[in-house]
N, C-alpha and C. Protein backbone atom coordinates (compact mmCIF):
# COMPACT_ATOMS: atom_id res chain seq x y z
N MET A 1 -13.28 -42.16 107.51
CA MET A 1 -13.08 -41.01 106.65
C MET A 1 -12.14 -41.35 105.51
N THR A 2 -12.47 -41.14 104.25
CA THR A 2 -11.67 -41.44 103.12
C THR A 2 -10.68 -40.25 102.84
N ASN A 3 -9.71 -40.58 101.97
CA ASN A 3 -8.75 -39.59 101.55
C ASN A 3 -9.47 -38.42 100.79
N ILE A 4 -10.54 -38.80 100.10
CA ILE A 4 -11.28 -37.73 99.40
C ILE A 4 -11.89 -36.74 100.28
N GLU A 5 -12.39 -37.21 101.44
CA GLU A 5 -13.00 -36.36 102.44
C GLU A 5 -11.94 -35.48 103.15
N THR A 6 -10.76 -35.99 103.27
CA THR A 6 -9.69 -35.25 103.92
C THR A 6 -8.77 -34.56 102.91
N ALA A 7 -9.21 -34.50 101.67
CA ALA A 7 -8.28 -34.00 100.59
C ALA A 7 -8.03 -32.56 100.70
N LYS A 8 -8.84 -31.76 101.42
CA LYS A 8 -8.51 -30.33 101.58
C LYS A 8 -7.47 -30.19 102.64
N GLN A 9 -6.34 -29.87 102.19
CA GLN A 9 -5.15 -29.81 103.05
C GLN A 9 -4.88 -28.30 103.50
N PRO A 10 -4.03 -28.13 104.50
CA PRO A 10 -3.68 -26.75 104.84
C PRO A 10 -3.05 -25.93 103.78
N THR A 11 -2.59 -26.64 102.72
CA THR A 11 -1.95 -25.91 101.64
C THR A 11 -2.97 -25.10 100.83
N GLY A 12 -4.26 -25.38 101.01
CA GLY A 12 -5.29 -24.65 100.35
C GLY A 12 -5.84 -25.36 99.11
N PHE A 13 -5.32 -26.55 98.79
CA PHE A 13 -5.81 -27.32 97.62
C PHE A 13 -7.08 -27.98 98.04
N ASP A 14 -8.16 -27.68 97.31
CA ASP A 14 -9.41 -28.36 97.50
C ASP A 14 -9.56 -29.42 96.41
N LEU A 15 -9.41 -30.67 96.78
CA LEU A 15 -9.43 -31.74 95.83
C LEU A 15 -10.77 -32.44 95.81
N SER A 16 -11.75 -31.96 96.55
CA SER A 16 -13.04 -32.63 96.68
C SER A 16 -13.76 -32.74 95.36
N GLY A 17 -13.43 -31.91 94.37
CA GLY A 17 -14.03 -32.01 93.05
C GLY A 17 -13.25 -32.86 92.14
N CYS A 18 -12.21 -33.48 92.60
CA CYS A 18 -11.29 -34.31 91.76
C CYS A 18 -11.33 -35.73 92.27
N LYS A 19 -12.54 -36.29 92.51
CA LYS A 19 -12.61 -37.63 93.08
C LYS A 19 -11.93 -38.68 92.23
N THR A 20 -12.05 -38.61 90.94
CA THR A 20 -11.47 -39.58 90.03
C THR A 20 -9.95 -39.56 90.14
N LEU A 21 -9.31 -38.32 90.16
CA LEU A 21 -7.93 -38.17 90.20
C LEU A 21 -7.41 -38.68 91.54
N VAL A 22 -8.11 -38.33 92.65
CA VAL A 22 -7.68 -38.76 93.98
C VAL A 22 -7.72 -40.31 94.03
N LYS A 23 -8.78 -40.95 93.47
CA LYS A 23 -8.84 -42.41 93.48
C LYS A 23 -7.69 -43.03 92.67
N LYS A 24 -7.34 -42.38 91.53
CA LYS A 24 -6.25 -42.92 90.73
C LYS A 24 -4.95 -42.80 91.51
N ILE A 25 -4.71 -41.67 92.17
CA ILE A 25 -3.50 -41.47 92.96
C ILE A 25 -3.41 -42.52 94.09
N GLU A 26 -4.52 -42.72 94.78
CA GLU A 26 -4.54 -43.71 95.85
C GLU A 26 -4.26 -45.11 95.27
N SER A 27 -4.84 -45.44 94.17
CA SER A 27 -4.66 -46.76 93.55
C SER A 27 -3.19 -46.94 93.11
N ALA A 28 -2.69 -45.87 92.48
CA ALA A 28 -1.23 -45.94 92.05
C ALA A 28 -0.33 -46.12 93.24
N GLY A 29 -0.60 -45.36 94.31
CA GLY A 29 0.23 -45.53 95.49
C GLY A 29 0.19 -46.95 96.05
N SER A 30 -1.02 -47.52 96.14
CA SER A 30 -1.18 -48.84 96.66
C SER A 30 -0.48 -49.88 95.77
N ASN A 31 -0.71 -49.74 94.46
CA ASN A 31 -0.10 -50.67 93.49
C ASN A 31 1.43 -50.61 93.53
N ILE A 32 1.93 -49.40 93.61
CA ILE A 32 3.39 -49.26 93.62
C ILE A 32 3.98 -49.82 94.89
N ASP A 33 3.27 -49.61 96.01
CA ASP A 33 3.76 -50.19 97.28
C ASP A 33 3.84 -51.70 97.20
N THR A 34 2.85 -52.33 96.57
CA THR A 34 2.82 -53.76 96.35
C THR A 34 3.96 -54.17 95.49
N TRP A 35 4.20 -53.51 94.37
CA TRP A 35 5.25 -53.84 93.47
C TRP A 35 6.66 -53.67 94.07
N VAL A 36 6.84 -52.64 94.88
CA VAL A 36 8.09 -52.43 95.54
C VAL A 36 8.37 -53.51 96.52
N LEU A 37 7.36 -54.01 97.22
CA LEU A 37 7.59 -55.21 98.07
C LEU A 37 7.92 -56.43 97.33
N LYS A 38 7.20 -56.67 96.21
CA LYS A 38 7.50 -57.80 95.31
C LYS A 38 8.93 -57.72 94.77
N ARG A 39 9.33 -56.45 94.34
CA ARG A 39 10.67 -56.28 93.84
C ARG A 39 11.74 -56.63 94.89
N LYS A 40 11.43 -56.16 96.08
CA LYS A 40 12.41 -56.56 97.23
C LYS A 40 12.55 -58.04 97.37
N GLU A 41 11.38 -58.66 97.36
CA GLU A 41 11.42 -60.14 97.52
C GLU A 41 12.15 -60.80 96.35
N ILE A 42 11.95 -60.37 95.12
CA ILE A 42 12.65 -60.87 93.99
C ILE A 42 14.15 -60.57 94.07
N ASN A 43 14.47 -59.36 94.43
CA ASN A 43 15.90 -58.99 94.62
C ASN A 43 16.53 -59.87 95.66
N ASP A 44 15.85 -60.20 96.74
CA ASP A 44 16.39 -61.05 97.81
C ASP A 44 16.62 -62.44 97.20
N GLN A 45 15.71 -62.92 96.39
CA GLN A 45 15.89 -64.28 95.80
C GLN A 45 17.12 -64.28 94.81
N ILE A 46 17.23 -63.18 94.04
CA ILE A 46 18.35 -63.10 93.12
C ILE A 46 19.68 -63.03 93.89
N ALA A 47 19.69 -62.26 94.98
CA ALA A 47 20.90 -62.17 95.83
C ALA A 47 21.23 -63.50 96.39
N ALA A 48 20.27 -64.31 96.82
CA ALA A 48 20.56 -65.62 97.34
C ALA A 48 21.16 -66.53 96.29
N GLU A 49 20.65 -66.49 95.06
CA GLU A 49 21.18 -67.27 93.96
C GLU A 49 22.63 -66.86 93.69
N ARG A 50 22.89 -65.57 93.67
CA ARG A 50 24.23 -65.09 93.43
C ARG A 50 25.19 -65.50 94.57
N ALA A 51 24.73 -65.49 95.78
CA ALA A 51 25.51 -65.87 96.93
C ALA A 51 25.86 -67.32 96.83
N GLY A 52 24.90 -68.15 96.36
CA GLY A 52 25.15 -69.55 96.14
C GLY A 52 26.18 -69.83 95.15
N LEU A 53 26.22 -68.98 94.04
CA LEU A 53 27.24 -69.14 93.06
C LEU A 53 28.60 -68.78 93.63
N GLN A 54 28.59 -67.67 94.40
CA GLN A 54 29.85 -67.21 94.96
C GLN A 54 30.43 -68.25 95.99
N ALA A 55 29.54 -68.90 96.71
CA ALA A 55 29.98 -69.90 97.65
C ALA A 55 30.65 -71.08 96.93
N GLU A 56 30.31 -71.26 95.64
CA GLU A 56 30.92 -72.31 94.83
C GLU A 56 32.24 -71.83 94.11
N GLY A 57 32.58 -70.59 94.41
CA GLY A 57 33.78 -69.99 93.82
C GLY A 57 33.57 -69.27 92.49
N LEU A 58 32.32 -69.05 92.15
CA LEU A 58 32.06 -68.33 90.89
C LEU A 58 31.85 -66.84 91.18
N ASN A 59 32.53 -66.04 90.41
CA ASN A 59 32.38 -64.59 90.61
C ASN A 59 31.03 -64.14 90.05
N PRO A 60 30.17 -63.55 90.90
CA PRO A 60 28.85 -63.17 90.49
C PRO A 60 28.91 -62.09 89.37
N LYS A 61 29.91 -61.22 89.34
CA LYS A 61 29.99 -60.24 88.31
C LYS A 61 30.28 -60.86 86.95
N ALA A 62 31.06 -61.89 86.95
CA ALA A 62 31.36 -62.65 85.72
C ALA A 62 30.04 -63.35 85.22
N PHE A 63 29.30 -63.88 86.15
CA PHE A 63 27.99 -64.55 85.83
C PHE A 63 27.06 -63.49 85.24
N ASP A 64 26.97 -62.33 85.84
CA ASP A 64 26.12 -61.27 85.33
C ASP A 64 26.56 -60.82 83.94
N ALA A 65 27.89 -60.73 83.73
CA ALA A 65 28.39 -60.34 82.39
C ALA A 65 28.05 -61.40 81.38
N ALA A 66 28.12 -62.66 81.75
CA ALA A 66 27.76 -63.72 80.83
C ALA A 66 26.31 -63.68 80.41
N ARG A 67 25.46 -63.37 81.44
CA ARG A 67 24.01 -63.25 81.15
C ARG A 67 23.71 -62.08 80.23
N ALA A 68 24.41 -60.94 80.46
CA ALA A 68 24.23 -59.81 79.61
C ALA A 68 24.73 -60.07 78.17
N TYR A 69 25.81 -60.84 78.11
CA TYR A 69 26.38 -61.20 76.78
C TYR A 69 25.39 -62.08 76.01
N MET A 70 24.69 -62.96 76.72
CA MET A 70 23.69 -63.85 76.09
C MET A 70 22.57 -62.99 75.37
N GLU A 71 22.30 -61.85 75.96
CA GLU A 71 21.18 -61.06 75.44
C GLU A 71 21.58 -60.17 74.31
N MET A 72 22.86 -60.14 73.95
CA MET A 72 23.38 -59.27 72.86
C MET A 72 23.15 -59.98 71.51
N SER A 73 23.04 -59.09 70.50
CA SER A 73 22.98 -59.64 69.12
C SER A 73 24.38 -60.05 68.76
N PRO A 74 24.57 -60.86 67.68
CA PRO A 74 25.93 -61.21 67.23
C PRO A 74 26.77 -59.96 66.99
N GLU A 75 26.20 -58.95 66.41
CA GLU A 75 26.99 -57.72 66.14
C GLU A 75 27.43 -57.09 67.46
N GLN A 76 26.57 -57.00 68.41
CA GLN A 76 26.87 -56.41 69.72
C GLN A 76 27.97 -57.22 70.41
N ARG A 77 27.86 -58.57 70.34
CA ARG A 77 28.87 -59.43 70.94
C ARG A 77 30.23 -59.17 70.31
N GLU A 78 30.26 -59.10 69.00
CA GLU A 78 31.55 -58.86 68.30
C GLU A 78 32.15 -57.57 68.75
N ASN A 79 31.35 -56.53 68.83
CA ASN A 79 31.83 -55.20 69.32
C ASN A 79 32.28 -55.24 70.72
N TYR A 80 31.54 -55.98 71.55
CA TYR A 80 31.90 -56.08 73.00
C TYR A 80 33.22 -56.82 73.16
N ASP A 81 33.41 -57.88 72.42
CA ASP A 81 34.66 -58.66 72.47
C ASP A 81 35.87 -57.84 72.03
N PHE A 82 35.65 -57.10 70.91
CA PHE A 82 36.72 -56.25 70.43
C PHE A 82 37.02 -55.14 71.46
N SER A 83 35.97 -54.46 71.94
CA SER A 83 36.15 -53.35 72.91
C SER A 83 36.83 -53.89 74.20
N TYR A 84 36.38 -55.02 74.65
CA TYR A 84 36.97 -55.54 75.90
C TYR A 84 38.44 -55.89 75.71
N ALA A 85 38.78 -56.55 74.58
CA ALA A 85 40.15 -56.98 74.35
C ALA A 85 41.09 -55.80 74.21
N ILE A 86 40.70 -54.81 73.48
CA ILE A 86 41.63 -53.68 73.28
C ILE A 86 41.67 -52.78 74.53
N SER A 87 40.57 -52.72 75.23
CA SER A 87 40.60 -51.97 76.54
C SER A 87 41.48 -52.60 77.53
N ARG A 88 41.48 -53.96 77.61
CA ARG A 88 42.31 -54.65 78.58
C ARG A 88 43.76 -54.39 78.19
N GLN A 89 44.07 -54.45 76.90
CA GLN A 89 45.46 -54.27 76.50
C GLN A 89 45.95 -52.83 76.80
N VAL A 90 45.13 -51.87 76.44
CA VAL A 90 45.48 -50.45 76.68
C VAL A 90 45.62 -50.17 78.15
N LEU A 91 44.82 -50.78 78.98
CA LEU A 91 44.82 -50.52 80.40
C LEU A 91 45.89 -51.37 81.17
N GLY A 92 46.63 -52.16 80.40
CA GLY A 92 47.74 -52.84 81.05
C GLY A 92 47.39 -54.24 81.60
N GLU A 93 46.22 -54.75 81.24
CA GLU A 93 45.85 -56.12 81.66
C GLU A 93 45.34 -56.87 80.45
N PRO A 94 46.28 -57.19 79.52
CA PRO A 94 45.89 -57.89 78.27
C PRO A 94 45.29 -59.31 78.61
N ILE A 95 44.45 -59.73 77.69
CA ILE A 95 43.84 -61.05 77.84
C ILE A 95 44.87 -62.13 77.57
N GLN A 96 44.89 -63.14 78.39
CA GLN A 96 45.78 -64.30 78.16
C GLN A 96 45.04 -65.15 77.10
N LEU A 97 45.74 -65.38 76.03
CA LEU A 97 45.12 -66.13 74.96
C LEU A 97 44.72 -67.55 75.34
N ASP A 98 45.42 -68.13 76.35
CA ASP A 98 45.11 -69.53 76.70
C ASP A 98 44.21 -69.59 77.99
N MET A 99 43.70 -68.46 78.45
CA MET A 99 43.01 -68.43 79.75
C MET A 99 41.68 -69.23 79.71
N PHE A 100 41.15 -69.43 78.49
CA PHE A 100 39.88 -70.18 78.40
C PHE A 100 40.09 -71.66 78.11
N THR A 101 41.33 -72.12 78.17
CA THR A 101 41.57 -73.53 77.96
C THR A 101 42.21 -74.13 79.21
N THR A 102 43.46 -73.86 79.45
CA THR A 102 44.21 -74.58 80.49
C THR A 102 43.61 -74.22 81.89
N ASP A 103 43.43 -72.97 82.22
CA ASP A 103 43.07 -72.59 83.57
C ASP A 103 41.58 -73.07 83.80
N VAL A 104 40.74 -72.89 82.90
CA VAL A 104 39.35 -73.31 83.09
C VAL A 104 39.30 -74.81 83.29
N GLU A 105 39.99 -75.54 82.46
CA GLU A 105 40.01 -76.98 82.54
C GLU A 105 40.45 -77.44 83.90
N ALA A 106 41.55 -76.88 84.37
CA ALA A 106 42.07 -77.22 85.71
C ALA A 106 41.12 -76.87 86.80
N ARG A 107 40.49 -75.74 86.73
CA ARG A 107 39.50 -75.36 87.78
C ARG A 107 38.27 -76.21 87.73
N LEU A 108 37.79 -76.58 86.57
CA LEU A 108 36.64 -77.52 86.46
C LEU A 108 37.00 -78.87 87.06
N LYS A 109 38.21 -79.35 86.80
CA LYS A 109 38.67 -80.65 87.36
C LYS A 109 38.68 -80.57 88.86
N ALA A 110 39.22 -79.44 89.39
CA ALA A 110 39.29 -79.28 90.89
C ALA A 110 37.91 -79.24 91.46
N ALA A 111 36.99 -78.47 90.78
CA ALA A 111 35.62 -78.35 91.34
C ALA A 111 34.91 -79.72 91.32
N ALA A 112 35.11 -80.48 90.24
CA ALA A 112 34.52 -81.84 90.20
C ALA A 112 35.06 -82.75 91.32
N GLU A 113 36.29 -82.61 91.66
CA GLU A 113 36.88 -83.44 92.64
C GLU A 113 36.39 -83.13 94.04
N THR A 114 36.06 -81.87 94.27
CA THR A 114 35.55 -81.45 95.61
C THR A 114 34.10 -81.91 95.74
N GLN A 115 33.42 -82.12 94.65
CA GLN A 115 32.00 -82.56 94.71
C GLN A 115 31.78 -84.06 94.80
N GLN A 116 32.86 -84.81 94.74
CA GLN A 116 32.78 -86.26 94.83
C GLN A 116 32.89 -86.76 96.18
């Protein structure tokens, strides 16, 4: 028995004259179920990649922020940088001007040594 044949529900809706609509709803439900499963599988793969980065000592939120930054236009990046810098200062955690030189270099050297 198909859903069209059982479409008359106790609610009183008789959908037997709406075969096309019922088929579209059935198809949409099936397609969405498939996509939700695929999305879960993709999300699991993304989570595994992020966990691998974290296992190497990389903060996944920083990685995500860098990826989002890549997708910005130059104007958006400039505004982001400005907004981030002044927000950090106002909130009491100003940016260290040398944080992208000495600390990063030392951490990269340490990471390279652990991989040898």
